[in-house]
Protein backbone atom coordinates (compact mmCIF):
# COMPACT_ATOMS: atom_id res chain seq x y z
CA ALA A 1 58.52 94.11 -42.60
CA GLY A 2 59.33 93.83 -38.91
CA VAL A 3 60.89 91.05 -36.90
CA ALA A 4 57.69 88.96 -36.79
CA GLY A 5 57.10 89.15 -40.55
CA LEU A 6 60.73 88.65 -41.55
CA THR A 7 61.25 85.70 -39.21
CA THR A 8 58.04 84.05 -40.40
CA ALA A 9 59.06 84.60 -44.03
CA LEU A 10 62.48 83.08 -43.30
CA LYS A 11 61.04 79.97 -41.63
CA LEU A 12 58.51 79.52 -44.45
CA SER A 13 61.25 79.91 -47.06
CA GLN A 14 63.07 76.99 -45.46
CA THR A 15 60.19 74.67 -46.37
CA ALA A 16 60.31 73.18 -49.86
CA ARG A 17 56.63 73.76 -50.63
CA CYS A 18 56.44 77.53 -50.08
CA LYS A 19 57.19 80.45 -52.37
CA ILE A 20 57.10 83.73 -50.47
CA THR A 21 56.38 87.38 -51.22
CA VAL A 22 56.89 89.91 -48.43
CA ALA A 23 54.63 92.90 -49.10
CA ALA A 24 55.04 95.74 -46.61
CA GLU A 25 54.79 99.49 -46.19
CA HIS A 26 58.10 99.64 -44.31
CA MET A 27 61.33 97.73 -44.89
CA PRO A 28 64.59 97.31 -42.93
CA GLY A 29 66.41 100.63 -42.99
CA ASP A 30 63.20 102.65 -42.55
CA TYR A 31 62.34 104.55 -39.38
CA ASP A 32 58.69 105.31 -38.67
CA ILE A 33 56.70 105.65 -35.47
CA ARG A 34 54.41 102.74 -36.46
CA TYR A 35 57.31 100.52 -37.56
CA ALA A 36 58.29 99.23 -34.14
CA SER A 37 61.11 96.77 -34.86
CA PRO A 38 63.99 99.22 -35.55
CA TRP A 39 63.36 101.04 -32.25
CA ALA A 40 63.61 97.93 -30.09
CA GLY A 41 66.64 97.24 -27.88
CA ALA A 42 66.49 94.40 -28.59
CA ASN A 43 67.21 91.58 -26.19
CA TYR A 44 66.07 88.33 -24.59
CA LEU A 45 64.53 89.04 -21.17
CA PRO A 46 61.42 86.85 -20.89
CA VAL A 47 58.41 88.41 -19.20
CA SER A 48 56.00 85.62 -20.17
CA GLU A 49 54.15 83.74 -17.45
CA LYS A 50 55.37 80.26 -16.57
CA GLY A 51 53.40 77.55 -18.37
CA SER A 52 51.80 79.97 -20.85
CA LYS A 53 51.84 79.74 -24.62
CA ALA A 54 53.94 82.90 -24.64
CA ALA A 55 56.54 81.18 -22.45
CA GLU A 56 56.64 78.30 -24.94
CA TRP A 57 57.31 80.77 -27.77
CA ASP A 58 60.09 82.40 -25.76
CA ARG A 59 61.57 79.02 -24.88
CA ASN A 60 61.60 77.94 -28.54
CA THR A 61 63.23 81.21 -29.60
CA TRP A 62 66.23 81.01 -27.29
CA PRO A 63 68.12 78.21 -29.12
CA GLU A 64 67.97 80.21 -32.37
CA LEU A 65 69.25 83.42 -30.78
CA GLU A 66 71.95 81.56 -28.85
CA ASP A 67 73.13 79.92 -32.08
CA LEU A 68 73.31 83.30 -33.84
CA ALA A 69 75.32 84.79 -30.96
CA ARG A 70 77.75 81.88 -31.00
CA ASN A 71 78.11 81.25 -34.72
CA ARG A 72 76.77 84.12 -36.86
CA PRO A 73 78.42 87.41 -35.84
CA GLU A 74 77.17 89.04 -39.03
CA ALA A 75 73.61 88.81 -37.65
CA GLY A 76 74.39 91.41 -34.97
CA VAL A 77 73.51 89.27 -31.95
CA HIS A 78 75.91 88.99 -29.01
CA PHE A 79 76.03 87.68 -25.46
CA GLN A 80 75.86 90.07 -22.53
CA HIS A 81 76.16 89.66 -18.80
CA THR A 82 72.77 90.66 -17.42
CA GLU A 83 71.58 91.89 -14.04
CA ILE A 84 68.01 92.56 -12.88
CA TYR A 85 67.39 94.72 -9.81
CA VAL A 86 64.22 94.65 -7.73
CA ARG A 87 62.63 97.11 -5.29
CA ASN A 88 59.77 95.60 -3.33
CA LYS A 89 57.91 98.91 -3.34
CA ASP A 90 57.47 98.69 -7.12
CA ALA A 91 55.24 95.60 -6.94
CA ASP A 92 52.03 97.36 -8.02
CA LYS A 93 53.58 99.61 -10.68
CA VAL A 94 53.10 99.18 -14.44
CA THR A 95 56.73 98.27 -15.05
CA ALA A 96 56.83 95.64 -12.30
CA LYS A 97 53.64 94.04 -13.63
CA TRP A 98 55.11 94.05 -17.16
CA PHE A 99 58.38 92.51 -15.88
CA ASN A 100 56.68 90.21 -13.35
CA GLU A 101 58.28 86.91 -14.39
CA LEU A 102 61.64 88.52 -15.10
CA LEU A 103 61.80 89.93 -11.56
CA LYS A 104 61.28 86.59 -9.82
CA ALA A 105 64.10 84.99 -7.88
CA GLU A 106 63.36 81.70 -9.68
CA PRO A 107 61.96 82.55 -13.15
CA TRP A 108 61.02 79.69 -15.47
CA PHE A 109 63.91 80.37 -17.87
CA LYS A 110 66.69 80.16 -15.26
CA ASP A 111 67.73 76.60 -16.21
CA MET A 112 67.64 77.28 -19.94
CA ILE A 113 70.12 80.13 -20.35
CA PRO A 114 73.81 79.31 -20.87
CA ASP A 115 76.12 78.84 -17.92
CA VAL A 116 78.97 80.82 -19.44
CA ARG A 117 80.50 84.19 -18.70
CA VAL A 118 80.92 86.63 -21.56
CA SER A 119 84.58 87.39 -22.06
CA CYS A 120 83.95 90.52 -24.09
CA ILE A 121 80.60 92.19 -24.73
CA HIS A 122 81.83 93.51 -28.07
CA THR A 123 82.00 90.02 -29.57
CA SER A 124 80.23 86.70 -29.47
CA ILE A 125 83.26 84.99 -27.90
CA VAL A 126 82.52 83.25 -24.61
CA THR A 127 84.88 81.64 -22.12
CA LYS A 128 84.40 78.32 -20.33
CA LYS A 129 84.09 80.04 -16.96
CA GLU A 130 80.74 79.04 -15.58
CA LEU A 131 78.20 81.60 -14.48
CA GLN A 132 74.88 79.95 -13.81
CA PHE A 133 71.76 81.97 -13.14
CA ARG A 134 72.19 83.28 -9.62
CA GLN A 135 70.66 85.59 -7.08
CA ILE A 136 72.80 88.63 -6.32
CA PRO A 137 73.75 88.81 -2.61
CA LYS A 138 72.20 91.76 -0.79
CA ASP A 139 75.60 93.25 0.05
CA GLN A 140 76.46 93.42 -3.67
CA LEU A 141 73.36 95.43 -4.58
CA SER A 142 73.28 99.20 -4.84
CA PRO A 143 71.40 101.03 -2.07
CA GLY A 144 67.64 100.99 -2.52
CA TYR A 145 67.38 97.52 -4.07
CA ASP A 146 65.95 94.57 -2.17
CA SER A 147 66.99 91.72 -4.45
CA GLY A 148 68.45 90.95 -7.84
CA THR A 149 69.48 88.22 -10.26
CA ALA A 150 72.36 87.76 -12.70
CA PHE A 151 72.69 85.61 -15.81
CA THR A 152 73.86 85.63 -19.42
CA SER A 153 71.54 86.69 -22.23
CA VAL A 154 71.78 88.26 -25.66
CA CYS A 155 71.39 91.75 -27.09
CA ILE A 156 70.48 92.37 -30.73
CA ASN A 157 71.67 95.24 -32.92
CA THR A 158 68.43 95.79 -34.82
CA ALA A 159 70.16 97.93 -37.47
CA LEU A 160 72.14 94.82 -38.46
CA TYR A 161 69.70 92.08 -37.58
CA LEU A 162 66.67 93.19 -39.61
CA PRO A 163 68.72 93.52 -42.84
CA TRP A 164 70.36 90.17 -42.02
CA LEU A 165 66.92 88.52 -41.79
CA ALA A 166 65.97 90.10 -45.12
CA SER A 167 69.21 88.88 -46.71
CA GLN A 168 68.59 85.32 -45.53
CA CYS A 169 65.10 85.50 -47.01
CA LEU A 170 66.47 86.80 -50.31
CA LYS A 171 68.99 83.96 -50.40
CA ASN A 172 66.04 81.56 -50.17
CA GLY A 173 64.18 83.19 -53.05
CA VAL A 174 61.81 85.45 -51.11
CA VAL A 175 60.64 88.51 -53.09
CA PHE A 176 60.16 91.89 -51.38
CA GLN A 177 57.63 94.52 -52.47
CA ARG A 178 56.56 97.81 -50.95
CA LYS A 179 52.78 97.81 -50.66
CA ILE A 180 49.99 99.43 -48.67
CA PHE A 181 46.70 97.56 -48.32
CA LYS A 182 43.30 98.79 -47.25
CA HIS A 183 41.96 95.26 -46.76
CA ILE A 184 43.77 92.08 -45.75
CA THR A 185 42.47 90.11 -48.74
CA GLU A 186 44.19 92.52 -51.16
CA ALA A 187 47.49 91.02 -50.09
CA ALA A 188 46.63 87.77 -51.85
CA ASN A 189 46.94 89.61 -55.17
CA ALA A 190 50.45 90.87 -54.38
CA PHE A 191 52.04 87.45 -54.90
CA HIS A 192 55.04 87.88 -57.19
CA SER A 193 54.04 84.97 -59.46
CA GLY A 194 51.07 86.96 -60.69
CA GLU A 195 48.71 84.30 -59.35
CA LYS A 196 46.60 84.63 -56.25
CA ALA A 197 48.38 83.53 -53.08
CA ASP A 198 47.06 80.44 -51.31
CA VAL A 199 47.71 81.89 -47.86
CA VAL A 200 48.29 85.39 -46.49
CA VAL A 201 50.27 85.70 -43.26
CA ASN A 202 49.25 88.81 -41.35
CA CYS A 203 52.20 90.25 -39.41
CA THR A 204 50.99 93.86 -39.49
CA GLY A 205 51.55 94.70 -35.84
CA LEU A 206 49.79 97.85 -34.74
CA SER A 207 48.27 98.27 -38.21
CA ALA A 208 45.98 95.33 -37.39
CA LEU A 209 43.91 97.90 -35.52
CA THR A 210 42.80 99.60 -38.74
CA LEU A 211 43.43 97.10 -41.55
CA GLY A 212 40.18 96.16 -43.27
CA GLY A 213 39.04 92.62 -42.59
CA VAL A 214 41.00 92.58 -39.33
CA GLU A 215 40.28 95.81 -37.41
CA ASP A 216 41.33 94.28 -34.11
CA LYS A 217 40.12 96.64 -31.40
CA LYS A 218 42.22 94.79 -28.83
CA MET A 219 45.32 96.42 -30.34
CA MET A 220 46.86 99.48 -28.72
CA PRO A 221 50.22 101.24 -28.64
CA ALA A 222 52.57 100.98 -25.69
CA ARG A 223 54.79 103.97 -26.28
CA GLY A 224 58.48 103.52 -25.63
CA GLN A 225 61.04 106.30 -25.55
CA ILE A 226 64.78 105.60 -25.69
CA VAL A 227 68.14 107.33 -26.00
CA LEU A 228 70.92 105.74 -28.06
CA VAL A 229 74.39 106.73 -26.85
CA ARG A 230 77.99 105.98 -27.79
CA ASN A 231 79.01 105.27 -24.21
CA GLU A 232 79.67 101.65 -23.35
CA ALA A 233 78.04 99.68 -20.55
CA ASN A 234 79.65 96.78 -18.73
CA VAL A 235 76.33 95.04 -18.18
CA MET A 236 72.83 94.71 -19.64
CA CYS A 237 70.49 95.65 -16.83
CA ALA A 238 66.96 96.61 -15.88
CA ASN A 239 65.05 97.33 -12.72
CA SER A 240 61.54 96.92 -11.37
CA GLY A 241 60.46 100.54 -11.56
CA THR A 242 61.24 104.17 -10.89
CA ASP A 243 60.10 106.99 -8.64
CA ASP A 244 59.50 109.22 -11.67
CA GLY A 245 56.32 107.74 -13.06
CA GLU A 246 54.03 104.71 -12.98
CA ASP A 247 54.77 103.86 -16.62
CA GLU A 248 58.47 104.72 -16.73
CA ALA A 249 61.27 102.16 -16.64
CA CYS A 250 65.04 101.90 -16.55
CA TYR A 251 66.96 99.51 -18.76
CA ILE A 252 70.34 99.51 -20.49
CA MET A 253 71.66 97.29 -23.27
CA GLN A 254 74.71 97.57 -25.50
CA ARG A 255 74.07 96.54 -29.08
CA ALA A 256 76.54 94.34 -30.90
CA ALA A 257 79.11 95.50 -33.45
CA GLY A 258 79.34 99.16 -32.49
CA GLY A 259 75.59 99.67 -32.46
CA GLY A 260 75.75 101.89 -29.40
CA THR A 261 74.11 101.55 -26.01
CA LEU A 262 70.35 101.87 -25.79
CA ILE A 263 68.89 103.30 -22.60
CA GLY A 264 65.22 103.56 -21.77
CA GLY A 265 62.50 103.96 -21.22
CA SER A 266 58.73 104.02 -20.89
CA TYR A 267 55.71 101.76 -21.29
CA GLN A 268 52.88 104.21 -21.95
CA LYS A 269 49.75 102.31 -22.91
CA GLY A 270 47.42 104.11 -25.31
CA ASN A 271 49.89 106.94 -25.97
CA TRP A 272 50.32 107.72 -29.69
CA GLU A 273 52.72 110.66 -29.32
CA SER A 274 55.44 110.36 -31.96
CA GLN A 275 57.80 113.11 -30.76
CA PHE A 276 60.32 112.54 -28.00
CA ASP A 277 59.70 114.25 -24.68
CA PRO A 278 62.90 116.09 -23.61
CA ASN A 279 61.94 115.97 -19.94
CA LEU A 280 61.41 112.22 -20.12
CA ALA A 281 64.72 111.90 -21.99
CA ASN A 282 66.52 113.67 -19.15
CA ARG A 283 64.92 111.36 -16.59
CA ILE A 284 65.89 108.32 -18.67
CA MET A 285 69.52 109.43 -18.82
CA LYS A 286 69.71 110.29 -15.12
CA ARG A 287 68.25 106.93 -14.13
CA ALA A 288 70.65 105.11 -16.43
CA ILE A 289 73.82 106.58 -14.97
CA GLU A 290 72.50 106.04 -11.44
CA MET A 291 71.92 102.36 -12.21
CA CYS A 292 75.13 101.96 -14.24
CA PRO A 293 77.72 104.63 -13.30
CA ALA A 294 80.22 102.99 -15.66
CA LEU A 295 78.35 104.58 -18.57
CA THR A 296 79.95 107.94 -17.78
CA GLY A 297 82.72 106.95 -15.39
CA GLY A 298 80.63 108.24 -12.50
CA LYS A 299 80.03 111.63 -14.14
CA GLY A 300 76.77 113.39 -15.05
CA ILE A 301 74.46 113.04 -18.05
CA GLU A 302 76.39 115.74 -19.91
CA HIS A 303 79.03 113.05 -20.41
CA LEU A 304 76.63 110.85 -22.37
CA SER A 305 77.42 111.04 -26.08
CA ILE A 306 73.99 110.97 -27.72
CA VAL A 307 73.52 109.35 -31.14
CA ARG A 308 69.78 110.00 -31.26
CA HIS A 309 66.53 110.02 -29.35
CA GLY A 310 63.85 107.57 -30.41
CA VAL A 311 60.17 106.82 -29.94
CA GLY A 312 58.48 103.58 -30.92
CA LEU A 313 54.99 102.20 -30.45
CA ARG A 314 54.98 98.62 -29.24
CA PRO A 315 52.12 96.67 -30.88
CA LEU A 316 50.39 95.63 -27.67
CA ARG A 317 47.30 93.43 -27.75
CA GLU A 318 44.87 92.87 -24.90
CA GLY A 319 44.93 89.15 -24.18
CA GLY A 320 48.28 88.64 -25.90
CA VAL A 321 49.49 87.61 -29.35
CA ARG A 322 46.95 86.59 -31.98
CA LEU A 323 48.32 83.46 -33.64
CA GLU A 324 45.57 81.61 -35.48
CA LYS A 325 44.13 81.02 -38.95
CA GLU A 326 40.78 81.95 -40.48
CA LYS A 327 39.20 82.40 -43.90
CA ILE A 328 38.28 85.92 -44.96
CA GLY A 329 36.62 86.43 -48.33
CA GLY A 330 37.65 82.94 -49.40
CA VAL A 331 41.33 83.58 -48.55
CA TRP A 332 43.20 81.73 -45.80
CA ILE A 333 44.73 84.22 -43.37
CA VAL A 334 47.27 83.25 -40.72
CA HIS A 335 47.52 85.95 -38.05
CA ASN A 336 50.79 86.52 -36.20
CA TYR A 337 50.66 89.92 -34.52
CA GLY A 338 50.26 91.72 -31.20
CA HIS A 339 53.67 90.91 -29.71
CA GLY A 340 53.90 94.04 -27.59
CA GLY A 341 57.41 94.50 -26.21
CA TYR A 342 58.59 90.92 -26.78
CA GLY A 343 58.60 90.56 -30.58
CA TYR A 344 62.26 89.58 -30.84
CA GLN A 345 62.40 87.18 -27.92
CA SER A 346 59.33 85.29 -29.14
CA SER A 347 60.04 85.64 -32.86
CA TYR A 348 61.20 82.13 -33.72
CA GLY A 349 58.71 80.39 -31.47
CA CYS A 350 55.79 82.33 -32.94
CA SER A 351 57.07 81.85 -36.48
CA GLN A 352 57.37 78.10 -36.02
CA ASP A 353 53.72 77.96 -34.99
CA ALA A 354 52.74 80.25 -37.87
CA VAL A 355 54.44 77.87 -40.32
CA LYS A 356 52.39 74.98 -38.91
CA LEU A 357 49.19 76.99 -39.44
CA VAL A 358 50.19 77.79 -43.03
CA GLU A 359 50.79 74.10 -43.69
CA GLU A 360 47.40 73.25 -42.20
CA ALA A 361 45.76 75.81 -44.49
CA LEU A 362 47.57 74.48 -47.55
CA ASP A 363 46.50 70.93 -46.70
CA SER A 364 42.85 71.80 -46.14
């Protein structure tokens, strides 16, 4: 039960006509290499291409996340000042291609984000001081960077947010069950009423690769490795690439409510390795304190207080998210999977479309 499944269940539970059972192998509180959601940062840094369906999903998600940051501190979402740094020489690297829209001087989302400055990154309180999306002047950039942008976004403490989503579902009558299915149609028989479900919503992420009836060969892992530390950052930041490896990245985000600071990372397509690589971990930490010296007060990586190392497999899908309905074995299936590294920042937009597909199936 990751962010896609829980958000879809929540939006469905807000409709009067739906009774919901969430049946999943993993639940909030679990940690498993194939359960991607707990390992995420998570944040809102759109990488979707302007005018694409993915950009629409990201756009429709922002109002929900902004509302949580402003009004629901218990959800574990808070505002953070954000800076993105660009090196022109990274243009052809994996990370720069992944972050392509985010790295632009005029990304599509620049007029959507709030024009407020965060007064304290530990809370959701914001001042009235305006800080519109802006380009960072060259003389304010660290050596080696050619351009950069600054704006306000949100960071999500996944350890709080996933249970919060589950609690909101429970409040709306959703029933949770731990299940493992060999075939997608088996899920229809897991409905808590004892009757066969009218619609099954498939939010299985990377498991869609092997789940019977789905077996989507376009699915692949994009391995991410992170380090969670107690040190505090004064900014959420990322850059366009590193000199350490084609598929390595540098990003920093401080989770809300004492959730620690997450530093990363990597974007290793097709890599299933579940154990953390200590050499990569050292590179991640060195890059982080170079990009944000405030993490250690200008000192070395030995001054990072490590909570844990983590590895997660992003559920990447060639061609993007699969969000459509079909009948399999006489059962309506609504697919909502393959969100790669943007499951949180597209979660509400995708779920809204999934709800529409469920309603279409019920009306057919």
